[in-house]
Amino acid sequence: MVQVLSQLKSSHRGRLDIIATILRSTMIGARKTSIMYRCNLSFKQLEFYLGFLLRKGHLTMSTKSRGNNSRFFETTEKGLGFLRAYRNLEELMSK
């Protein structure tokens, strides 16, 4: 509990904030570079979070043929459920 309160005062984003940002940016599908820039993450950070979200089932990865076989990441139903819960938590904390 103390850690949560200290993070509220911090200007740094927490893991849940970063996860929510990634899930929002992949709702309609996005490539790694796009996600990295939208979420303001380093490549190393992006790799960590994408791997985590894929393993947990919050993201899916597909290859869409546009001549370069780009890998696209999309938010799953489970990821959308996380975003709904995250928004509810934000609302509770802002009251």
PDB file of N, CA and C in Angstrom:
ATOM      1  N   MET A   1       0.828  -1.190   0.000  1.00  0.00           N
ATOM      2  CA  MET A   1       0.000   0.000   0.000  1.00  0.00           C
ATOM      3  C   MET A   1       0.872   1.254   0.000  1.00  0.00           C
ATOM      4  N   VAL A   2       1.928   1.252   0.784  1.00  0.00           N
ATOM      5  CA  VAL A   2       2.830   2.403   0.842  1.00  0.00           C
ATOM      6  C   VAL A   2       3.472   2.631  -0.519  1.00  0.00           C
ATOM      7  N   GLN A   3       3.842   1.537  -1.191  1.00  0.00           N
ATOM      8  CA  GLN A   3       4.463   1.655  -2.507  1.00  0.00           C
ATOM      9  C   GLN A   3       3.496   2.296  -3.499  1.00  0.00           C
ATOM     10  N   VAL A   4       2.222   1.920  -3.454  1.00  0.00           N
ATOM     11  CA  VAL A   4       1.219   2.486  -4.354  1.00  0.00           C
ATOM     12  C   VAL A   4       1.080   3.972  -4.108  1.00  0.00           C
ATOM     13  N   LEU A   5       1.017   4.372  -2.850  1.00  0.00           N
ATOM     14  CA  LEU A   5       0.874   5.788  -2.532  1.00  0.00           C
ATOM     15  C   LEU A   5       2.093   6.588  -2.958  1.00  0.00           C
ATOM     16  N   SER A   6       3.279   6.020  -2.804  1.00  0.00           N
ATOM     17  CA  SER A   6       4.477   6.745  -3.221  1.00  0.00           C
ATOM     18  C   SER A   6       4.525   6.877  -4.738  1.00  0.00           C
ATOM     19  N   GLN A   7       3.976   5.887  -5.451  1.00  0.00           N
ATOM     20  CA  GLN A   7       3.960   5.969  -6.909  1.00  0.00           C
ATOM     21  C   GLN A   7       2.975   7.027  -7.384  1.00  0.00           C
ATOM     22  N   LEU A   8       1.920   7.285  -6.618  1.00  0.00           N
ATOM     23  CA  LEU A   8       0.961   8.314  -7.004  1.00  0.00           C
ATOM     24  C   LEU A   8       1.611   9.691  -7.029  1.00  0.00           C
ATOM     25  N   LYS A   9       2.596   9.905  -6.173  1.00  0.00           N
ATOM     26  CA  LYS A   9       3.289  11.183  -6.108  1.00  0.00           C
ATOM     27  C   LYS A   9       4.393  11.294  -7.153  1.00  0.00           C
ATOM     28  N   SER A  10       4.800  10.181  -7.707  1.00  0.00           N
ATOM     29  CA  SER A  10       5.901  10.147  -8.662  1.00  0.00           C
ATOM     30  C   SER A  10       5.448  10.611 -10.042  1.00  0.00           C
ATOM     31  N   SER A  11       6.350  11.243 -10.767  1.00  0.00           N
ATOM     32  CA  SER A  11       6.034  11.657 -12.135  1.00  0.00           C
ATOM     33  C   SER A  11       6.327  10.545 -13.133  1.00  0.00           C
ATOM     34  N   HIS A  12       6.950   9.458 -12.673  1.00  0.00           N
ATOM     35  CA  HIS A  12       7.257   8.333 -13.552  1.00  0.00           C
ATOM     36  C   HIS A  12       6.026   7.449 -13.709  1.00  0.00           C
ATOM     37  N   ARG A  13       5.905   6.859 -14.893  1.00  0.00           N
ATOM     38  CA  ARG A  13       4.795   5.946 -15.132  1.00  0.00           C
ATOM     39  C   ARG A  13       5.083   4.611 -14.474  1.00  0.00           C
ATOM     40  N   GLY A  14       4.046   4.012 -13.954  1.00  0.00           N
ATOM     41  CA  GLY A  14       4.165   2.677 -13.391  1.00  0.00           C
ATOM     42  C   GLY A  14       3.927   1.634 -14.473  1.00  0.00           C
ATOM     43  N   ARG A  15       4.136   0.378 -14.115  1.00  0.00           N
ATOM     44  CA  ARG A  15       3.959  -0.712 -15.081  1.00  0.00           C
ATOM     45  C   ARG A  15       2.537  -0.783 -15.613  1.00  0.00           C
ATOM     46  N   LEU A  16       1.560  -0.589 -14.735  1.00  0.00           N
ATOM     47  CA  LEU A  16       0.169  -0.657 -15.190  1.00  0.00           C
ATOM     48  C   LEU A  16      -0.149   0.465 -16.172  1.00  0.00           C
ATOM     49  N   ASP A  17       0.424   1.643 -15.934  1.00  0.00           N
ATOM     50  CA  ASP A  17       0.232   2.762 -16.859  1.00  0.00           C
ATOM     51  C   ASP A  17       0.812   2.431 -18.229  1.00  0.00           C
ATOM     52  N   ILE A  18       1.995   1.855 -18.249  1.00  0.00           N
ATOM     53  CA  ILE A  18       2.649   1.496 -19.507  1.00  0.00           C
ATOM     54  C   ILE A  18       1.854   0.414 -20.223  1.00  0.00           C
ATOM     55  N   ILE A  19       1.398  -0.584 -19.479  1.00  0.00           N
ATOM     56  CA  ILE A  19       0.600  -1.657 -20.079  1.00  0.00           C
ATOM     57  C   ILE A  19      -0.676  -1.091 -20.686  1.00  0.00           C
ATOM     58  N   ALA A  20      -1.355  -0.207 -19.964  1.00  0.00           N
ATOM     59  CA  ALA A  20      -2.585   0.397 -20.485  1.00  0.00           C
ATOM     60  C   ALA A  20      -2.302   1.200 -21.754  1.00  0.00           C
ATOM     61  N   THR A  21      -1.209   1.927 -21.781  1.00  0.00           N
ATOM     62  CA  THR A  21      -0.847   2.711 -22.962  1.00  0.00           C
ATOM     63  C   THR A  21      -0.592   1.803 -24.161  1.00  0.00           C
ATOM     64  N   ILE A  22       0.100   0.700 -23.940  1.00  0.00           N
ATOM     65  CA  ILE A  22       0.365  -0.251 -25.029  1.00  0.00           C
ATOM     66  C   ILE A  22      -0.941  -0.846 -25.536  1.00  0.00           C
ATOM     67  N   LEU A  23      -1.808  -1.276 -24.616  1.00  0.00           N
ATOM     68  CA  LEU A  23      -3.072  -1.884 -25.030  1.00  0.00           C
ATOM     69  C   LEU A  23      -3.955  -0.895 -25.785  1.00  0.00           C
ATOM     70  N   ARG A  24      -3.940   0.361 -25.367  1.00  0.00           N
ATOM     71  CA  ARG A  24      -4.711   1.381 -26.099  1.00  0.00           C
ATOM     72  C   ARG A  24      -4.141   1.594 -27.503  1.00  0.00           C
ATOM     73  N   SER A  25      -2.829   1.595 -27.611  1.00  0.00           N
ATOM     74  CA  SER A  25      -2.208   1.875 -28.910  1.00  0.00           C
ATOM     75  C   SER A  25      -2.328   0.711 -29.881  1.00  0.00           C
ATOM     76  N   THR A  26      -2.685  -0.468 -29.393  1.00  0.00           N
ATOM     77  CA  THR A  26      -2.805  -1.635 -30.270  1.00  0.00           C
ATOM     78  C   THR A  26      -4.256  -2.057 -30.483  1.00  0.00           C
ATOM     79  N   MET A  27      -5.200  -1.228 -30.114  1.00  0.00           N
ATOM     80  CA  MET A  27      -6.610  -1.596 -30.253  1.00  0.00           C
ATOM     81  C   MET A  27      -7.002  -1.839 -31.706  1.00  0.00           C
ATOM     82  N   ILE A  28      -6.432  -1.100 -32.631  1.00  0.00           N
ATOM     83  CA  ILE A  28      -6.749  -1.305 -34.051  1.00  0.00           C
ATOM     84  C   ILE A  28      -5.589  -1.956 -34.793  1.00  0.00           C
ATOM     85  N   GLY A  29      -4.598  -2.398 -34.039  1.00  0.00           N
ATOM     86  CA  GLY A  29      -3.435  -3.050 -34.633  1.00  0.00           C
ATOM     87  C   GLY A  29      -2.312  -2.057 -34.868  1.00  0.00           C
ATOM     88  N   ALA A  30      -1.102  -2.477 -34.561  1.00  0.00           N
ATOM     89  CA  ALA A  30       0.061  -1.600 -34.734  1.00  0.00           C
ATOM     90  C   ALA A  30       1.326  -2.439 -34.822  1.00  0.00           C
ATOM     91  N   ARG A  31       2.318  -1.886 -35.500  1.00  0.00           N
ATOM     92  CA  ARG A  31       3.637  -2.523 -35.573  1.00  0.00           C
ATOM     93  C   ARG A  31       4.491  -2.046 -34.403  1.00  0.00           C
ATOM     94  N   LYS A  32       5.605  -2.748 -34.191  1.00  0.00           N
ATOM     95  CA  LYS A  32       6.482  -2.445 -33.054  1.00  0.00           C
ATOM     96  C   LYS A  32       6.930  -0.987 -33.022  1.00  0.00           C
ATOM     97  N   THR A  33       7.393  -0.490 -34.152  1.00  0.00           N
ATOM     98  CA  THR A  33       7.919   0.879 -34.182  1.00  0.00           C
ATOM     99  C   THR A  33       6.844   1.884 -33.801  1.00  0.00           C
ATOM    100  N   SER A  34       5.652   1.681 -34.316  1.00  0.00           N
ATOM    101  CA  SER A  34       4.540   2.570 -34.003  1.00  0.00           C
ATOM    102  C   SER A  34       4.221   2.537 -32.509  1.00  0.00           C
ATOM    103  N   ILE A  35       4.175   1.350 -31.941  1.00  0.00           N
ATOM    104  CA  ILE A  35       3.894   1.205 -30.507  1.00  0.00           C
ATOM    105  C   ILE A  35       4.992   1.886 -29.692  1.00  0.00           C
ATOM    106  N   MET A  36       6.230   1.677 -30.089  1.00  0.00           N
ATOM    107  CA  MET A  36       7.373   2.239 -29.376  1.00  0.00           C
ATOM    108  C   MET A  36       7.273   3.765 -29.316  1.00  0.00           C
ATOM    109  N   TYR A  37       6.951   4.398 -30.445  1.00  0.00           N
ATOM    110  CA  TYR A  37       6.853   5.855 -30.474  1.00  0.00           C
ATOM    111  C   TYR A  37       5.614   6.362 -29.746  1.00  0.00           C
ATOM    112  N   ARG A  38       4.474   5.701 -29.943  1.00  0.00           N
ATOM    113  CA  ARG A  38       3.241   6.135 -29.273  1.00  0.00           C
ATOM    114  C   ARG A  38       3.358   6.057 -27.757  1.00  0.00           C
ATOM    115  N   CYS A  39       4.053   5.031 -27.284  1.00  0.00           N
ATOM    116  CA  CYS A  39       4.148   4.791 -25.843  1.00  0.00           C
ATOM    117  C   CYS A  39       5.403   5.376 -25.213  1.00  0.00           C
ATOM    118  N   ASN A  40       6.266   5.944 -26.043  1.00  0.00           N
ATOM    119  CA  ASN A  40       7.511   6.553 -25.572  1.00  0.00           C
ATOM    120  C   ASN A  40       8.354   5.556 -24.769  1.00  0.00           C
ATOM    121  N   LEU A  41       8.624   4.398 -25.400  1.00  0.00           N
ATOM    122  CA  LEU A  41       9.413   3.344 -24.772  1.00  0.00           C
ATOM    123  C   LEU A  41      10.675   3.080 -25.574  1.00  0.00           C
ATOM    124  N   SER A  42      11.702   2.597 -24.898  1.00  0.00           N
ATOM    125  CA  SER A  42      12.890   2.134 -25.611  1.00  0.00           C
ATOM    126  C   SER A  42      12.565   0.777 -26.230  1.00  0.00           C
ATOM    127  N   PHE A  43      13.407   0.332 -27.158  1.00  0.00           N
ATOM    128  CA  PHE A  43      13.168  -0.958 -27.798  1.00  0.00           C
ATOM    129  C   PHE A  43      13.226  -2.090 -26.774  1.00  0.00           C
ATOM    130  N   LYS A  44      14.158  -1.994 -25.845  1.00  0.00           N
ATOM    131  CA  LYS A  44      14.301  -3.021 -24.808  1.00  0.00           C
ATOM    132  C   LYS A  44      13.050  -3.091 -23.926  1.00  0.00           C
ATOM    133  N   GLN A  45      12.542  -1.930 -23.523  1.00  0.00           N
ATOM    134  CA  GLN A  45      11.320  -1.897 -22.723  1.00  0.00           C
ATOM    135  C   GLN A  45      10.143  -2.469 -23.506  1.00  0.00           C
ATOM    136  N   LEU A  46      10.049  -2.081 -24.779  1.00  0.00           N
ATOM    137  CA  LEU A  46       8.955  -2.558 -25.621  1.00  0.00           C
ATOM    138  C   LEU A  46       8.984  -4.075 -25.738  1.00  0.00           C
ATOM    139  N   GLU A  47      10.158  -4.640 -25.974  1.00  0.00           N
ATOM    140  CA  GLU A  47      10.294  -6.095 -26.083  1.00  0.00           C
ATOM    141  C   GLU A  47       9.817  -6.787 -24.805  1.00  0.00           C
ATOM    142  N   PHE A  48      10.179  -6.242 -23.658  1.00  0.00           N
ATOM    143  CA  PHE A  48       9.764  -6.824 -22.384  1.00  0.00           C
ATOM    144  C   PHE A  48       8.243  -6.825 -22.262  1.00  0.00           C
ATOM    145  N   TYR A  49       7.626  -5.667 -22.483  1.00  0.00           N
ATOM    146  CA  TYR A  49       6.177  -5.555 -22.303  1.00  0.00           C
ATOM    147  C   TYR A  49       5.394  -6.331 -23.358  1.00  0.00           C
ATOM    148  N   LEU A  50       5.843  -6.335 -24.603  1.00  0.00           N
ATOM    149  CA  LEU A  50       5.146  -7.113 -25.629  1.00  0.00           C
ATOM    150  C   LEU A  50       5.192  -8.601 -25.293  1.00  0.00           C
ATOM    151  N   GLY A  51       6.351  -9.080 -24.879  1.00  0.00           N
ATOM    152  CA  GLY A  51       6.475 -10.484 -24.489  1.00  0.00           C
ATOM    153  C   GLY A  51       5.551 -10.830 -23.331  1.00  0.00           C
ATOM    154  N   PHE A  52       5.524  -9.968 -22.339  1.00  0.00           N
ATOM    155  CA  PHE A  52       4.663 -10.181 -21.174  1.00  0.00           C
ATOM    156  C   PHE A  52       3.192 -10.217 -21.586  1.00  0.00           C
ATOM    157  N   LEU A  53       2.764  -9.237 -22.378  1.00  0.00           N
ATOM    158  CA  LEU A  53       1.356  -9.149 -22.774  1.00  0.00           C
ATOM    159  C   LEU A  53       0.946 -10.286 -23.705  1.00  0.00           C
ATOM    160  N   LEU A  54       1.858 -10.739 -24.545  1.00  0.00           N
ATOM    161  CA  LEU A  54       1.570 -11.891 -25.407  1.00  0.00           C
ATOM    162  C   LEU A  54       1.405 -13.160 -24.565  1.00  0.00           C
ATOM    163  N   ARG A  55       2.304 -13.368 -23.613  1.00  0.00           N
ATOM    164  CA  ARG A  55       2.224 -14.564 -22.759  1.00  0.00           C
ATOM    165  C   ARG A  55       0.954 -14.584 -21.923  1.00  0.00           C
ATOM    166  N   LYS A  56       0.516 -13.426 -21.476  1.00  0.00           N
ATOM    167  CA  LYS A  56      -0.681 -13.336 -20.636  1.00  0.00           C
ATOM    168  C   LYS A  56      -1.976 -13.342 -21.453  1.00  0.00           C
ATOM    169  N   GLY A  57      -1.869 -13.236 -22.769  1.00  0.00           N
ATOM    170  CA  GLY A  57      -3.058 -13.277 -23.616  1.00  0.00           C
ATOM    171  C   GLY A  57      -3.758 -11.951 -23.797  1.00  0.00           C
ATOM    172  N   HIS A  58      -3.087 -10.852 -23.469  1.00  0.00           N
ATOM    173  CA  HIS A  58      -3.674  -9.524 -23.639  1.00  0.00           C
ATOM    174  C   HIS A  58      -3.442  -8.971 -25.043  1.00  0.00           C
ATOM    175  N   LEU A  59      -2.482  -9.533 -25.750  1.00  0.00           N
ATOM    176  CA  LEU A  59      -2.163  -9.138 -27.126  1.00  0.00           C
ATOM    177  C   LEU A  59      -2.075 -10.381 -27.999  1.00  0.00           C
ATOM    178  N   THR A  60      -2.341 -10.183 -29.286  1.00  0.00           N
ATOM    179  CA  THR A  60      -2.059 -11.222 -30.277  1.00  0.00           C
ATOM    180  C   THR A  60      -1.114 -10.627 -31.304  1.00  0.00           C
ATOM    181  N   MET A  61      -0.346 -11.487 -31.931  1.00  0.00           N
ATOM    182  CA  MET A  61       0.564 -11.051 -32.983  1.00  0.00           C
ATOM    183  C   MET A  61       0.166 -11.766 -34.262  1.00  0.00           C
ATOM    184  N   SER A  62       0.058 -10.999 -35.335  1.00  0.00           N
ATOM    185  CA  SER A  62      -0.263 -11.605 -36.624  1.00  0.00           C
ATOM    186  C   SER A  62       0.651 -11.018 -37.683  1.00  0.00           C
ATOM    187  N   THR A  63       0.812 -11.753 -38.763  1.00  0.00           N
ATOM    188  CA  THR A  63       1.609 -11.283 -39.890  1.00  0.00           C
ATOM    189  C   THR A  63       0.648 -10.893 -40.991  1.00  0.00           C
ATOM    190  N   LYS A  64       0.647  -9.622 -41.317  1.00  0.00           N
ATOM    191  CA  LYS A  64      -0.217  -9.135 -42.386  1.00  0.00           C
ATOM    192  C   LYS A  64       0.647  -8.875 -43.604  1.00  0.00           C
ATOM    193  N   SER A  65       0.255  -9.431 -44.694  1.00  0.00           N
ATOM    194  CA  SER A  65       1.059  -9.332 -45.907  1.00  0.00           C
ATOM    195  C   SER A  65       0.861  -7.984 -46.586  1.00  0.00           C
ATOM    196  N   ARG A  66       1.859  -7.153 -46.486  1.00  0.00           N
ATOM    197  CA  ARG A  66       1.897  -5.876 -47.207  1.00  0.00           C
ATOM    198  C   ARG A  66       3.199  -5.805 -47.989  1.00  0.00           C
ATOM    199  N   GLY A  67       3.646  -6.955 -48.406  1.00  0.00           N
ATOM    200  CA  GLY A  67       4.885  -7.002 -49.154  1.00  0.00           C
ATOM    201  C   GLY A  67       6.112  -7.169 -48.291  1.00  0.00           C
ATOM    202  N   ASN A  68       5.999  -6.849 -47.012  1.00  0.00           N
ATOM    203  CA  ASN A  68       7.169  -6.948 -46.135  1.00  0.00           C
ATOM    204  C   ASN A  68       6.927  -7.859 -44.927  1.00  0.00           C
ATOM    205  N   ASN A  69       5.809  -8.566 -44.921  1.00  0.00           N
ATOM    206  CA  ASN A  69       5.471  -9.492 -43.826  1.00  0.00           C
ATOM    207  C   ASN A  69       5.623  -8.861 -42.446  1.00  0.00           C
ATOM    208  N   SER A  70       5.056  -7.683 -42.265  1.00  0.00           N
ATOM    209  CA  SER A  70       5.127  -6.984 -40.983  1.00  0.00           C
ATOM    210  C   SER A  70       4.332  -7.720 -39.917  1.00  0.00           C
ATOM    211  N   ARG A  71       4.845  -7.680 -38.701  1.00  0.00           N
ATOM    212  CA  ARG A  71       4.127  -8.260 -37.568  1.00  0.00           C
ATOM    213  C   ARG A  71       3.277  -7.178 -36.925  1.00  0.00           C
ATOM    214  N   PHE A  72       1.994  -7.450 -36.808  1.00  0.00           N
ATOM    215  CA  PHE A  72       1.052  -6.531 -36.190  1.00  0.00           C
ATOM    216  C   PHE A  72       0.618  -7.081 -34.841  1.00  0.00           C
ATOM    217  N   PHE A  73       0.459  -6.187 -33.896  1.00  0.00           N
ATOM    218  CA  PHE A  73       0.000  -6.547 -32.562  1.00  0.00           C
ATOM    219  C   PHE A  73      -1.378  -5.940 -32.358  1.00  0.00           C
ATOM    220  N   GLU A  74      -2.288  -6.742 -31.805  1.00  0.00           N
ATOM    221  CA  GLU A  74      -3.646  -6.271 -31.550  1.00  0.00           C
ATOM    222  C   GLU A  74      -4.080  -6.663 -30.147  1.00  0.00           C
ATOM    223  N   THR A  75      -4.868  -5.786 -29.536  1.00  0.00           N
ATOM    224  CA  THR A  75      -5.406  -6.039 -28.207  1.00  0.00           C
ATOM    225  C   THR A  75      -6.491  -7.109 -28.289  1.00  0.00           C
ATOM    226  N   THR A  76      -6.453  -8.069 -27.384  1.00  0.00           N
ATOM    227  CA  THR A  76      -7.458  -9.136 -27.335  1.00  0.00           C
ATOM    228  C   THR A  76      -8.621  -8.716 -26.432  1.00  0.00           C
ATOM    229  N   GLU A  77      -9.642  -9.570 -26.364  1.00  0.00           N
ATOM    230  CA  GLU A  77     -10.763  -9.321 -25.451  1.00  0.00           C
ATOM    231  C   GLU A  77     -10.274  -9.247 -24.005  1.00  0.00           C
ATOM    232  N   LYS A  78      -9.326 -10.092 -23.665  1.00  0.00           N
ATOM    233  CA  LYS A  78      -8.754 -10.065 -22.317  1.00  0.00           C
ATOM    234  C   LYS A  78      -8.058  -8.726 -22.064  1.00  0.00           C
ATOM    235  N   GLY A  79      -7.361  -8.215 -23.066  1.00  0.00           N
ATOM    236  CA  GLY A  79      -6.715  -6.911 -22.953  1.00  0.00           C
ATOM    237  C   GLY A  79      -7.719  -5.783 -22.809  1.00  0.00           C
ATOM    238  N   LEU A  80      -8.829  -5.881 -23.539  1.00  0.00           N
ATOM    239  CA  LEU A  80      -9.888  -4.875 -23.418  1.00  0.00           C
ATOM    240  C   LEU A  80     -10.503  -4.915 -22.024  1.00  0.00           C
ATOM    241  N   GLY A  81     -10.621  -6.119 -21.461  1.00  0.00           N
ATOM    242  CA  GLY A  81     -11.108  -6.252 -20.086  1.00  0.00           C
ATOM    243  C   GLY A  81     -10.173  -5.568 -19.102  1.00  0.00           C
ATOM    244  N   PHE A  82      -8.868  -5.709 -19.324  1.00  0.00           N
ATOM    245  CA  PHE A  82      -7.889  -5.022 -18.483  1.00  0.00           C
ATOM    246  C   PHE A  82      -8.090  -3.511 -18.583  1.00  0.00           C
ATOM    247  N   LEU A  83      -8.282  -3.005 -19.799  1.00  0.00           N
ATOM    248  CA  LEU A  83      -8.463  -1.560 -19.976  1.00  0.00           C
ATOM    249  C   LEU A  83      -9.718  -1.057 -19.269  1.00  0.00           C
ATOM    250  N   ARG A  84     -10.799  -1.832 -19.316  1.00  0.00           N
ATOM    251  CA  ARG A  84     -12.024  -1.438 -18.604  1.00  0.00           C
ATOM    252  C   ARG A  84     -11.759  -1.373 -17.097  1.00  0.00           C
ATOM    253  N   ALA A  85     -11.087  -2.384 -16.564  1.00  0.00           N
ATOM    254  CA  ALA A  85     -10.768  -2.403 -15.130  1.00  0.00           C
ATOM    255  C   ALA A  85      -9.829  -1.250 -14.765  1.00  0.00           C
ATOM    256  N   TYR A  86      -8.883  -0.956 -15.642  1.00  0.00           N
ATOM    257  CA  TYR A  86      -7.929   0.128 -15.400  1.00  0.00           C
ATOM    258  C   TYR A  86      -8.655   1.477 -15.360  1.00  0.00           C
ATOM    259  N   ARG A  87      -9.584   1.687 -16.293  1.00  0.00           N
ATOM    260  CA  ARG A  87     -10.368   2.935 -16.295  1.00  0.00           C
ATOM    261  C   ARG A  87     -11.189   3.063 -15.012  1.00  0.00           C
ATOM    262  N   ASN A  88     -11.794   1.952 -14.584  1.00  0.00           N
ATOM    263  CA  ASN A  88     -12.567   1.976 -13.335  1.00  0.00           C
ATOM    264  C   ASN A  88     -11.679   2.345 -12.156  1.00  0.00           C
ATOM    265  N   LEU A  89     -10.490   1.794 -12.100  1.00  0.00           N
ATOM    266  CA  LEU A  89      -9.549   2.113 -11.029  1.00  0.00           C
ATOM    267  C   LEU A  89      -9.155   3.587 -11.078  1.00  0.00           C
ATOM    268  N   GLU A  90      -8.906   4.104 -12.276  1.00  0.00           N
ATOM    269  CA  GLU A  90      -8.567   5.531 -12.411  1.00  0.00           C
ATOM    270  C   GLU A  90      -9.700   6.408 -11.891  1.00  0.00           C
ATOM    271  N   GLU A  91     -10.934   6.025 -12.213  1.00  0.00           N
ATOM    272  CA  GLU A  91     -12.089   6.797 -11.741  1.00  0.00           C
ATOM    273  C   GLU A  91     -12.190   6.760 -10.221  1.00  0.00           C
ATOM    274  N   LEU A  92     -11.989   5.579  -9.637  1.00  0.00           N
ATOM    275  CA  LEU A  92     -12.041   5.462  -8.177  1.00  0.00           C
ATOM    276  C   LEU A  92     -10.957   6.298  -7.508  1.00  0.00           C
ATOM    277  N   MET A  93      -9.775   6.317  -8.089  1.00  0.00           N
ATOM    278  CA  MET A  93      -8.658   7.048  -7.496  1.00  0.00           C
ATOM    279  C   MET A  93      -8.793   8.557  -7.664  1.00  0.00           C
ATOM    280  N   SER A  94      -9.570   9.004  -8.639  1.00  0.00           N
ATOM    281  CA  SER A  94      -9.699  10.445  -8.874  1.00  0.00           C
ATOM    282  C   SER A  94     -10.788  11.076  -8.006  1.00  0.00           C
ATOM    283  N   LYS A  95     -11.568  10.256  -7.330  1.00  0.00           N
ATOM    284  CA  LYS A  95     -12.660  10.802  -6.489  1.00  0.00           C
ATOM    285  C   LYS A  95     -12.146  11.234  -5.149  1.00  0.00           C
TER     286      LYS A  95
END
